[in-house]
Amino acid sequence: MANVIQEDREQAKKETGASLMFIGLAVWVADALVAFFFPSAARIGRQGTFLTIILVLAVMGLALMLSGYVMRGKPEE
C-alpha cells in the first residue's frame, strides 16, 4: 500500500514538473510576441518599457522551466 502511494506521489511530481516546463515555454512564446512589437515601440520612444517586459518574461519563463526540470527529476530508463 505504501509503495502505491509513493508511486502516485512520484507520478504527480513528474506531471507537475512537466506542467511547469510547459507554462515556462508558453511564457517564452508570449515574450516572443512582445519582442515582435518592439520595433514599433522604438518608433514611438517606449523601448525601455518593452525591454523591461521582455526581460521579466524571459527570466520568469526560464525560472519556470528550470524549476519544472528539477521537480521532474531524472528520466526513467
Protein backbone atom coordinates (compact mmCIF):
# COMPACT_ATOMS: atom_id res chain seq x y z
CA MET A 1 0.00 0.00 0.00
CA ALA A 2 2.80 2.41 0.89
CA ASN A 3 4.54 1.61 -2.40
CA VAL A 4 1.42 2.59 -4.35
CA ILE A 5 1.20 5.91 -2.52
CA GLN A 6 4.87 6.62 -3.21
CA GLU A 7 4.42 5.83 -6.91
CA ASP A 8 1.41 8.17 -7.04
CA ARG A 9 3.48 10.96 -5.47
CA GLU A 10 6.30 10.41 -7.96
CA GLN A 11 3.84 10.46 -10.86
CA ALA A 12 2.23 13.66 -9.57
CA LYS A 13 5.67 15.22 -9.15
CA LYS A 14 6.62 14.37 -12.74
CA GLU A 15 3.33 15.74 -14.07
CA THR A 16 3.72 18.95 -12.08
CA GLY A 17 7.26 19.37 -13.37
CA ALA A 18 6.17 18.84 -16.96
CA SER A 19 3.34 21.34 -16.49
CA LEU A 20 5.72 23.96 -15.13
CA MET A 21 8.02 23.43 -18.10
CA PHE A 22 5.08 23.83 -20.50
CA ILE A 23 3.95 27.03 -18.75
CA GLY A 24 7.50 28.38 -18.98
CA LEU A 25 7.51 27.66 -22.71
CA ALA A 26 4.16 29.46 -23.07
CA VAL A 27 5.62 32.49 -21.27
CA TRP A 28 8.52 32.48 -23.75
CA VAL A 29 6.02 32.43 -26.64
CA ALA A 30 4.32 35.47 -25.10
CA ASP A 31 7.76 37.04 -24.77
CA ALA A 32 8.37 36.47 -28.47
CA LEU A 33 5.10 38.25 -29.22
CA VAL A 34 6.23 41.25 -27.18
CA ALA A 35 9.60 41.19 -28.96
CA PHE A 36 7.74 41.15 -32.29
CA PHE A 37 6.19 44.52 -31.46
CA PHE A 38 9.47 46.00 -30.18
CA PRO A 39 10.31 47.88 -33.42
CA SER A 40 7.06 49.83 -33.24
CA ALA A 41 7.80 50.67 -29.60
CA ALA A 42 11.18 52.04 -30.64
CA ARG A 43 9.48 54.32 -33.16
CA ILE A 44 7.26 55.92 -30.52
CA GLY A 45 10.01 56.13 -27.91
CA ARG A 46 8.80 53.45 -25.46
CA GLN A 47 11.59 50.93 -25.95
CA GLY A 48 12.55 50.99 -22.24
CA THR A 49 9.16 49.68 -21.20
CA PHE A 50 9.26 46.94 -23.81
CA LEU A 51 12.78 45.91 -22.86
CA THR A 52 11.71 45.64 -19.23
CA ILE A 53 8.72 43.47 -20.16
CA ILE A 54 10.87 41.29 -22.42
CA LEU A 55 13.48 40.73 -19.71
CA VAL A 56 10.91 39.99 -16.99
CA LEU A 57 9.07 37.46 -19.16
CA ALA A 58 12.33 35.81 -20.22
CA VAL A 59 13.53 35.41 -16.63
CA MET A 60 10.12 34.21 -15.46
CA GLY A 61 9.91 31.63 -18.28
CA LEU A 62 13.44 30.41 -17.56
CA ALA A 63 12.70 30.11 -13.84
CA LEU A 64 9.53 28.10 -14.51
CA MET A 65 11.31 25.79 -16.94
CA LEU A 66 14.24 25.18 -14.60
CA SER A 67 12.02 24.55 -11.57
CA GLY A 68 9.91 22.15 -13.64
CA TYR A 69 13.01 20.33 -14.84
CA VAL A 70 14.34 19.97 -11.30
CA MET A 71 10.95 18.87 -9.97
CA ARG A 72 10.52 16.29 -12.71
CA GLY A 73 13.76 14.58 -11.79
CA LYS A 74 15.73 12.02 -13.72
CA PRO A 75 14.07 10.43 -16.74
CA GLU A 76 13.12 6.79 -16.33
CA GLU A 77 15.31 4.31 -18.11
